[in-house]
Amino acid sequence: MNAIHFLLSPLAVLLVVPARCDDGNEEPGRHRTPEPTAVRIDPTAHIWSDGYYAFVVSRTDGGVLRFRGISCRKREAEVSFQLVPDGRDGAYRIEGRGRAFKNARSGDAVRFEGFDGTAYLIARDERGHACAALEIIAPRPASAGDGYRPYEELIRTVERHMAYYYLSGEYRTDEGRTIRFSPDRQAVSGLTAGGGEVAYTFAREGGDPVNVILLPDGSAYHVFKGSISRGLNKCDDLIIRRATRRGDRWVDGDTVACLCTTRRYFETESVPGTYPFPSTRILTYGIMQQFCFEEARLLSFELTARYGARFSYPVREIERQRWYQRMKKCDVKQDDLSPLERINNDLLRWDQEHGSKRPYPWESSEGNGGWRESDIQELRSFPIGH
C-alpha cells in the first residue's frame, strides 16, 4: 500500500462549533509559516514540475503561456496545455485536452503565487479550491528551445523526493537492529555488514526510476512501505528485500528487514510536529505520493493540530506529542490556517475526493500494488466538506 489516496480531511474530523479553548496553557498557532509575496519572475526562464511531469514554457501572442512537458515514465506521451489570461489581474485559465498536469484540468483557474519569495503555480477547481500545484525545479538552460525535454531535471527531482520524503528516517527491527536513511544525501547505514554508511542510487526499469536502491558493492534492495493490515504490533513500516535484475525488471528475493519507524528526519525548530512541511511549503503531487496510508492521515491531522485542533476521536500519534499536550485545544476552521496552509489543506482534500486506487508511481515490477478496497471504504466513511 504505497500511495497517498483518499486522504483524511483535517477539518472533517473536527468539531466545528463556536470557538473555545481548553486543556493546555500555550496559545496555538504560534508557529511561523511563509508569508504571501509578490511573484516577479519570468515563467519562461524556469522548468516547472509537479513531481511527475516537468514543463518548459514559451510565451505566445496575447500573453498566452504554452507549457510543453514530459512524464517521469518514459513510455507515457508528452503533455501540453496553455495558460490564457482571463481578464483579471494575474489570473489565467487552463486550455488543453483532458488533464494538463496531475489533478489539474482544462478550464481550471490558475495563478502564480509566491511565499517568502518562492513561486508556485496554483490551479483551482470550479469551487475555487486549490487542486494542483507546480513548482520551479531548475533554471531553463540558455540553449534550451521550446522543444527541450527536461527529463534529467525531472528525474533528479523524483529521486530527491524519494530519498527525502519516502525513505529518510531512522528505523529498527523487532530484534533491535537500526537502519538509517539520510535526509540530506542518498546514503544508508546499518544495512550492510559492519553497519557503516554507504551511498546508494536508485535503479531504473525501462529507464524509469523505481524504489530499488543500488549499493557500491553491486547489491540491490527493494525498499517499500508496509501495509496497515499487517497489524499494529509488527515492524513493517518499511520492508527491505534483496533484488535481482532479470532483463529489464527487478525481482524480489529474501526479506532482509521489516522495520518500525523510530524517527523521521523532518523536524524543524519553527514548526512543531513529525510532518511540518505542509506548514512550510506547497505540496505537489510528487511529494504527496511519497506517503503511505498512516502517514497521509498524520500529514492532514498535524496541519490543524498545530492550531490546537480538538479531534472527534483519539489520534494517539499526535496526542502523545508534548507540543500538542501543552497547547490549548480549539475548534479550528479553515480561516484559522495561514494562506499557504489553506492551499495545502485544499490539496489534501482534493486528493481525498478525486483520488483513485493506484500503486505508488515509482514502484518496481515486484510492487505490492495500490490500496485495498477496505482502506478506501474506511476513508470514504469520513465526511468531506468545506
Protein backbone atom coordinates (compact mmCIF):
# COMPACT_ATOMS: atom_id res chain seq x y z
CA MET A 1 0.00 0.00 0.00
CA ASN A 2 2.28 2.71 -1.25
CA ALA A 3 0.33 5.74 -2.47
CA ILE A 4 -1.42 8.62 -0.83
CA HIS A 5 -5.04 8.41 -1.85
CA PHE A 6 -8.35 9.46 -0.35
CA LEU A 7 -6.60 11.45 2.36
CA LEU A 8 -8.48 12.16 5.52
CA SER A 9 -9.60 15.76 5.66
CA PRO A 10 -8.12 17.51 8.68
CA LEU A 11 -11.25 19.57 9.14
CA ALA A 12 -13.65 16.71 8.54
CA VAL A 13 -12.78 15.21 11.90
CA LEU A 14 -13.04 18.43 13.88
CA LEU A 15 -15.97 19.59 15.93
CA VAL A 16 -16.98 22.79 14.17
CA VAL A 17 -18.81 24.83 16.80
CA PRO A 18 -18.24 28.33 18.20
CA ALA A 19 -14.58 28.58 19.11
CA ARG A 20 -13.48 27.75 22.64
CA CYS A 21 -10.12 26.72 24.09
CA ASP A 22 -9.23 24.47 26.99
CA ASP A 23 -6.78 21.77 28.19
CA GLY A 24 -3.25 23.20 27.72
CA ASN A 25 -1.78 26.59 28.53
CA GLU A 26 0.18 27.55 25.40
CA GLU A 27 -1.53 29.57 22.71
CA PRO A 28 -1.96 27.58 19.47
CA GLY A 29 -0.96 28.70 16.00
CA ARG A 30 2.24 30.47 17.06
CA HIS A 31 4.45 28.69 14.52
CA ARG A 32 5.73 30.67 11.55
CA THR A 33 4.61 29.86 8.03
CA PRO A 34 5.84 31.52 4.80
CA GLU A 35 4.05 34.78 4.06
CA PRO A 36 2.47 35.58 0.68
CA THR A 37 4.81 37.61 -1.52
CA ALA A 38 4.56 39.10 -4.98
CA VAL A 39 5.77 36.93 -7.87
CA ARG A 40 8.28 38.77 -10.02
CA ILE A 41 9.73 36.12 -12.31
CA ASP A 42 9.71 35.26 -15.99
CA PRO A 43 7.94 31.85 -16.19
CA THR A 44 9.76 31.03 -19.43
CA ALA A 45 13.15 31.16 -17.67
CA HIS A 46 12.42 28.14 -15.48
CA ILE A 47 11.50 24.45 -15.58
CA TRP A 48 8.23 23.73 -13.78
CA SER A 49 7.12 20.43 -12.27
CA ASP A 50 4.51 18.72 -10.12
CA GLY A 51 6.97 15.93 -9.30
CA TYR A 52 5.56 13.70 -12.03
CA TYR A 53 5.61 15.96 -15.12
CA ALA A 54 8.13 18.67 -15.98
CA PHE A 55 7.48 21.59 -18.36
CA VAL A 56 9.24 24.27 -20.33
CA VAL A 57 7.25 27.42 -21.05
CA SER A 58 7.04 29.71 -24.06
CA ARG A 59 5.11 32.94 -24.49
CA THR A 60 2.81 33.46 -27.49
CA ASP A 61 0.67 36.30 -28.79
CA GLY A 62 -1.75 37.88 -26.34
CA GLY A 63 0.20 36.88 -23.26
CA VAL A 64 -0.66 33.17 -23.59
CA LEU A 65 1.81 30.83 -21.87
CA ARG A 66 2.35 27.45 -23.56
CA PHE A 67 3.55 24.57 -21.36
CA ARG A 68 5.17 21.56 -23.06
CA GLY A 69 6.03 18.69 -20.78
CA ILE A 70 7.19 15.14 -20.30
CA SER A 71 6.38 12.43 -17.76
CA CYS A 72 8.87 10.71 -15.47
CA ARG A 73 7.61 7.49 -17.11
CA LYS A 74 9.33 7.35 -20.48
CA ARG A 75 6.58 5.33 -22.11
CA GLU A 76 3.93 7.97 -21.42
CA ALA A 77 3.04 10.50 -24.08
CA GLU A 78 4.17 14.10 -23.82
CA VAL A 79 1.67 16.60 -22.44
CA SER A 80 0.92 20.23 -23.24
CA PHE A 81 -1.51 22.94 -22.25
CA GLN A 82 -1.88 26.72 -22.38
CA LEU A 83 -2.49 29.36 -19.75
CA VAL A 84 -4.77 32.01 -21.21
CA PRO A 85 -5.24 35.36 -19.43
CA ASP A 86 -8.85 35.50 -18.24
CA GLY A 87 -9.15 39.29 -17.91
CA ARG A 88 -8.33 39.61 -14.23
CA ASP A 89 -5.00 40.87 -12.96
CA GLY A 90 -2.51 38.00 -12.92
CA ALA A 91 -5.15 35.31 -13.46
CA TYR A 92 -5.10 32.61 -16.12
CA ARG A 93 -7.29 29.77 -17.32
CA ILE A 94 -6.04 26.34 -18.43
CA GLU A 95 -6.82 25.39 -22.02
CA GLY A 96 -5.98 21.96 -23.35
CA ARG A 97 -7.29 18.45 -23.85
CA GLY A 98 -8.07 16.49 -20.72
CA ARG A 99 -5.60 16.76 -17.88
CA ALA A 100 -2.99 19.48 -18.01
CA PHE A 101 -0.84 18.11 -15.17
CA LYS A 102 -1.62 15.88 -12.22
CA ASN A 103 -5.03 16.81 -10.71
CA ALA A 104 -5.44 19.87 -12.99
CA ARG A 105 -7.94 20.03 -15.86
CA SER A 106 -8.79 22.27 -18.77
CA GLY A 107 -10.88 25.19 -17.53
CA ASP A 108 -9.28 25.42 -14.08
CA ALA A 109 -8.30 28.89 -12.90
CA VAL A 110 -4.58 29.40 -12.30
CA ARG A 111 -2.39 32.00 -10.62
CA PHE A 112 1.30 32.38 -9.92
CA GLU A 113 1.56 32.70 -6.15
CA GLY A 114 4.61 33.43 -4.01
CA PHE A 115 5.50 32.59 -0.42
CA ASP A 116 8.62 34.12 1.11
CA GLY A 117 9.95 34.65 -2.39
CA THR A 118 9.32 31.12 -3.68
CA ALA A 119 6.98 30.99 -6.68
CA TYR A 120 4.36 28.32 -7.33
CA LEU A 121 1.66 27.85 -9.94
CA ILE A 122 -1.63 27.04 -8.17
CA ALA A 123 -4.65 25.62 -10.02
CA ARG A 124 -8.14 25.89 -8.55
CA ASP A 125 -11.30 23.99 -9.44
CA GLU A 126 -14.75 25.39 -10.16
CA ARG A 127 -15.37 25.86 -6.42
CA GLY A 128 -12.23 27.97 -6.06
CA HIS A 129 -10.41 25.30 -4.06
CA ALA A 130 -6.74 24.55 -4.80
CA CYS A 131 -6.45 21.22 -6.64
CA ALA A 132 -2.91 21.12 -8.11
CA ALA A 133 0.43 22.89 -7.97
CA LEU A 134 3.63 23.30 -9.97
CA GLU A 135 6.96 24.45 -8.57
CA ILE A 136 10.24 25.55 -10.11
CA ILE A 137 12.78 22.71 -10.11
CA ALA A 138 15.61 24.23 -12.17
CA PRO A 139 16.55 27.19 -14.34
CA ARG A 140 15.90 26.63 -18.03
CA PRO A 141 19.23 26.17 -19.86
CA ALA A 142 20.09 29.14 -22.04
CA SER A 143 20.40 26.87 -25.07
CA ALA A 144 17.05 25.09 -24.48
CA GLY A 145 14.49 25.77 -27.17
CA ASP A 146 10.74 25.19 -26.95
CA GLY A 147 11.27 21.51 -27.82
CA TYR A 148 13.62 20.91 -24.88
CA ARG A 149 12.73 17.79 -22.86
CA PRO A 150 13.72 18.36 -19.20
CA TYR A 151 13.94 14.66 -18.37
CA GLU A 152 17.15 14.75 -16.33
CA GLU A 153 15.90 17.69 -14.24
CA LEU A 154 12.66 15.81 -13.59
CA ILE A 155 14.38 12.56 -12.62
CA ARG A 156 16.65 14.40 -10.18
CA THR A 157 13.53 15.88 -8.58
CA VAL A 158 11.78 12.50 -8.38
CA GLU A 159 14.81 10.85 -6.80
CA ARG A 160 15.23 13.73 -4.36
CA HIS A 161 11.59 13.30 -3.29
CA MET A 162 12.06 9.53 -2.92
CA ALA A 163 15.23 9.91 -0.84
CA TYR A 164 13.81 12.60 1.44
CA TYR A 165 10.06 12.05 1.76
CA TYR A 166 9.80 8.30 1.05
CA LEU A 167 12.91 6.87 2.72
CA SER A 168 14.66 9.27 5.10
CA GLY A 169 14.37 8.31 8.73
CA GLU A 170 15.59 6.01 11.46
CA TYR A 171 14.09 2.54 11.60
CA ARG A 172 14.54 -0.58 13.73
CA THR A 173 13.65 -4.25 13.61
CA ASP A 174 11.95 -6.24 16.38
CA GLU A 175 15.41 -7.58 17.20
CA GLY A 176 16.81 -4.08 17.75
CA ARG A 177 18.76 -3.61 14.52
CA THR A 178 18.78 0.04 13.39
CA ILE A 179 18.86 1.22 9.78
CA ARG A 180 19.08 4.92 8.89
CA PHE A 181 18.37 6.62 5.58
CA SER A 182 19.98 10.06 5.48
CA PRO A 183 17.70 13.07 4.83
CA ASP A 184 20.26 15.27 3.08
CA ARG A 185 22.01 12.80 0.77
CA GLN A 186 21.39 9.37 -0.73
CA ALA A 187 23.12 7.29 1.95
CA VAL A 188 22.09 4.42 4.23
CA SER A 189 23.70 2.99 7.36
CA GLY A 190 23.06 -0.30 9.15
CA LEU A 191 22.03 -2.19 6.03
CA THR A 192 25.32 -3.82 5.07
CA ALA A 193 27.82 -5.92 7.04
CA GLY A 194 29.62 -3.71 9.51
CA GLY A 195 26.76 -1.22 9.64
CA GLY A 196 28.67 1.70 8.15
CA GLU A 197 27.17 4.39 5.95
CA VAL A 198 27.24 3.76 2.21
CA ALA A 199 25.90 5.77 -0.71
CA TYR A 200 23.06 4.44 -2.82
CA THR A 201 21.48 5.25 -6.16
CA PHE A 202 18.03 4.41 -7.45
CA ALA A 203 17.66 1.65 -10.01
CA ARG A 204 15.73 2.03 -13.28
CA GLU A 205 13.14 -0.10 -15.07
CA GLY A 206 12.66 0.82 -18.69
CA GLY A 207 14.64 3.97 -17.95
CA ASP A 208 12.26 4.97 -15.15
CA PRO A 209 13.39 5.35 -11.51
CA VAL A 210 11.97 2.78 -9.08
CA ASN A 211 12.24 2.15 -5.34
CA VAL A 212 15.14 -0.28 -5.68
CA ILE A 213 18.41 1.03 -4.27
CA LEU A 214 21.84 0.07 -5.63
CA LEU A 215 24.89 -0.03 -3.37
CA PRO A 216 28.55 0.36 -4.39
CA ASP A 217 29.23 -3.38 -3.87
CA GLY A 218 26.70 -4.21 -6.61
CA SER A 219 23.95 -5.39 -4.27
CA ALA A 220 20.37 -4.21 -4.80
CA TYR A 221 17.43 -3.89 -2.41
CA HIS A 222 13.73 -3.30 -3.00
CA VAL A 223 12.60 -0.86 -0.26
CA PHE A 224 8.88 -0.31 0.16
CA LYS A 225 6.31 0.68 2.75
CA GLY A 226 4.24 -1.96 4.51
CA SER A 227 0.52 -2.41 4.85
CA ILE A 228 -1.52 -1.39 7.88
CA SER A 229 -3.36 -4.71 7.53
CA ARG A 230 -0.29 -6.49 8.96
CA GLY A 231 -1.16 -5.43 12.50
CA LEU A 232 -0.15 -2.75 14.97
CA ASN A 233 2.45 -4.83 16.82
CA LYS A 234 4.66 -5.79 13.88
CA CYS A 235 7.54 -3.79 12.47
CA ASP A 236 6.55 -3.28 8.85
CA ASP A 237 6.61 0.48 8.26
CA LEU A 238 9.46 -0.17 5.83
CA ILE A 239 10.29 -3.55 4.26
CA ILE A 240 13.61 -4.32 2.60
CA ARG A 241 14.13 -7.29 0.26
CA ARG A 242 17.08 -8.29 -1.85
CA ALA A 243 16.51 -7.61 -5.53
CA THR A 244 17.96 -9.20 -8.65
CA ARG A 245 17.83 -7.83 -12.16
CA ARG A 246 16.10 -10.08 -14.68
CA GLY A 247 16.08 -8.49 -18.11
CA ASP A 248 14.63 -5.01 -17.65
CA ARG A 249 12.88 -5.88 -14.38
CA TRP A 250 13.85 -6.21 -10.74
CA VAL A 251 12.75 -9.42 -8.99
CA ASP A 252 12.43 -9.75 -5.20
CA GLY A 253 14.47 -12.22 -3.20
CA ASP A 254 14.57 -12.90 0.53
CA THR A 255 13.43 -10.32 3.08
CA VAL A 256 16.33 -8.55 4.76
CA ALA A 257 14.45 -6.44 7.31
CA CYS A 258 10.95 -5.44 8.43
CA LEU A 259 11.29 -2.09 10.13
CA CYS A 260 9.37 0.15 12.53
CA THR A 261 9.88 3.91 12.34
CA THR A 262 11.66 5.38 15.35
CA ARG A 263 12.20 8.83 13.86
CA ARG A 264 11.53 10.75 10.67
CA TYR A 265 14.03 13.49 9.82
CA PHE A 266 11.53 16.23 9.00
CA GLU A 267 11.57 18.13 12.31
CA THR A 268 12.20 21.87 12.39
CA GLU A 269 12.51 24.28 15.31
CA SER A 270 9.96 26.70 13.89
CA VAL A 271 7.09 24.26 13.25
CA PRO A 272 6.03 21.51 15.70
CA GLY A 273 5.16 18.00 14.58
CA THR A 274 6.58 14.99 12.79
CA TYR A 275 5.49 16.28 9.37
CA PRO A 276 6.00 20.08 9.41
CA PHE A 277 6.28 20.71 5.65
CA PRO A 278 2.52 21.26 4.96
CA SER A 279 3.13 24.44 7.00
CA THR A 280 6.38 25.39 5.26
CA ARG A 281 5.96 24.73 1.53
CA ILE A 282 3.31 23.94 -1.09
CA LEU A 283 2.66 20.21 -1.54
CA THR A 284 2.98 18.97 -5.10
CA TYR A 285 1.59 15.70 -6.42
CA GLY A 286 5.07 14.16 -6.42
CA ILE A 287 5.57 14.95 -2.73
CA MET A 288 2.16 13.71 -1.60
CA GLN A 289 2.66 10.39 -3.39
CA GLN A 290 5.60 9.52 -1.12
CA PHE A 291 3.41 8.76 1.89
CA CYS A 292 1.54 5.64 2.93
CA PHE A 293 -1.94 5.47 4.45
CA GLU A 294 -1.00 6.20 8.07
CA GLU A 295 1.50 8.92 7.16
CA ALA A 296 -1.12 10.60 4.97
CA ARG A 297 -3.53 10.76 7.91
CA LEU A 298 -0.90 12.38 10.13
CA LEU A 299 0.02 14.85 7.40
CA SER A 300 -3.56 16.12 7.45
CA PHE A 301 -4.15 15.89 11.20
CA GLU A 302 -0.97 17.77 12.14
CA LEU A 303 -1.85 20.65 9.85
CA THR A 304 -4.74 21.61 12.13
CA ALA A 305 -3.28 20.18 15.34
CA ARG A 306 -0.73 23.00 15.20
CA TYR A 307 -3.69 25.31 15.89
CA GLY A 308 -4.84 23.20 18.84
CA ALA A 309 -7.45 21.24 16.90
CA ARG A 310 -9.73 19.11 19.03
CA PHE A 311 -10.39 15.79 17.26
CA SER A 312 -13.65 13.89 17.48
CA TYR A 313 -11.83 10.61 18.15
CA PRO A 314 -8.37 9.74 19.57
CA VAL A 315 -5.34 10.38 17.35
CA ARG A 316 -2.66 8.82 19.52
CA GLU A 317 0.28 9.72 17.28
CA ILE A 318 -0.46 13.41 17.84
CA GLU A 319 -1.93 13.35 21.34
CA ARG A 320 1.25 11.81 22.77
CA GLN A 321 3.44 14.63 21.42
CA ARG A 322 4.39 17.15 24.11
CA TRP A 323 3.84 20.26 21.99
CA TYR A 324 0.22 19.22 21.46
CA GLN A 325 -0.32 18.30 25.11
CA ARG A 326 0.82 21.78 26.19
CA MET A 327 -1.41 23.57 23.69
CA LYS A 328 -4.85 24.99 24.35
CA LYS A 329 -7.41 22.98 22.39
CA CYS A 330 -9.67 24.83 19.95
CA ASP A 331 -12.30 24.13 17.33
CA VAL A 332 -10.35 25.02 14.18
CA LYS A 333 -11.82 26.40 10.98
CA GLN A 334 -10.32 26.77 7.51
CA ASP A 335 -9.86 30.51 8.02
CA ASP A 336 -7.68 29.88 11.07
CA LEU A 337 -4.95 28.44 8.84
CA SER A 338 -2.32 30.57 7.10
CA PRO A 339 -2.73 31.25 3.34
CA LEU A 340 -0.13 28.59 2.49
CA GLU A 341 -1.72 26.05 4.84
CA ARG A 342 -5.17 26.71 3.36
CA ILE A 343 -3.81 25.80 -0.08
CA ASN A 344 -2.28 22.59 1.26
CA ASN A 345 -5.46 21.74 3.13
CA ASP A 346 -7.35 22.12 -0.16
CA LEU A 347 -4.80 19.96 -2.00
CA LEU A 348 -5.13 17.17 0.55
CA ARG A 349 -8.93 17.37 0.45
CA TRP A 350 -8.97 17.37 -3.36
CA ASP A 351 -6.90 14.20 -3.45
CA GLN A 352 -9.27 12.60 -0.97
CA GLU A 353 -12.32 13.41 -3.08
CA HIS A 354 -10.87 12.59 -6.50
CA GLY A 355 -8.09 10.07 -5.90
CA SER A 356 -8.34 6.54 -7.22
CA LYS A 357 -6.83 3.19 -6.26
CA ARG A 358 -3.40 3.09 -7.88
CA PRO A 359 0.10 1.89 -6.96
CA TYR A 360 2.97 4.01 -5.79
CA PRO A 361 4.05 5.71 -9.04
CA TRP A 362 7.69 4.65 -8.67
CA GLU A 363 7.05 1.08 -7.52
CA SER A 364 9.13 -1.67 -9.12
CA SER A 365 7.56 -4.55 -11.04
CA GLU A 366 7.52 -6.53 -7.79
CA GLY A 367 5.48 -3.83 -6.07
CA ASN A 368 2.62 -4.69 -3.76
CA GLY A 369 0.07 -2.65 -5.66
CA GLY A 370 -2.37 0.05 -4.59
CA TRP A 371 -4.89 0.49 -1.80
CA ARG A 372 -7.04 -2.36 -0.55
CA GLU A 373 -10.75 -1.73 -1.05
CA SER A 374 -11.32 -1.88 2.72
CA ASP A 375 -8.89 1.02 3.20
CA ILE A 376 -10.76 3.07 0.62
CA GLN A 377 -14.12 2.36 2.27
CA GLU A 378 -12.69 3.34 5.67
CA LEU A 379 -11.56 6.67 4.32
CA ARG A 380 -14.83 7.28 2.49
CA SER A 381 -16.70 6.80 5.75
CA PHE A 382 -15.49 10.20 6.95
CA PRO A 383 -17.47 13.26 5.88
CA ILE A 384 -15.92 15.70 3.43
CA GLY A 385 -16.76 19.33 3.08
CA HIS A 386 -15.66 22.93 3.38
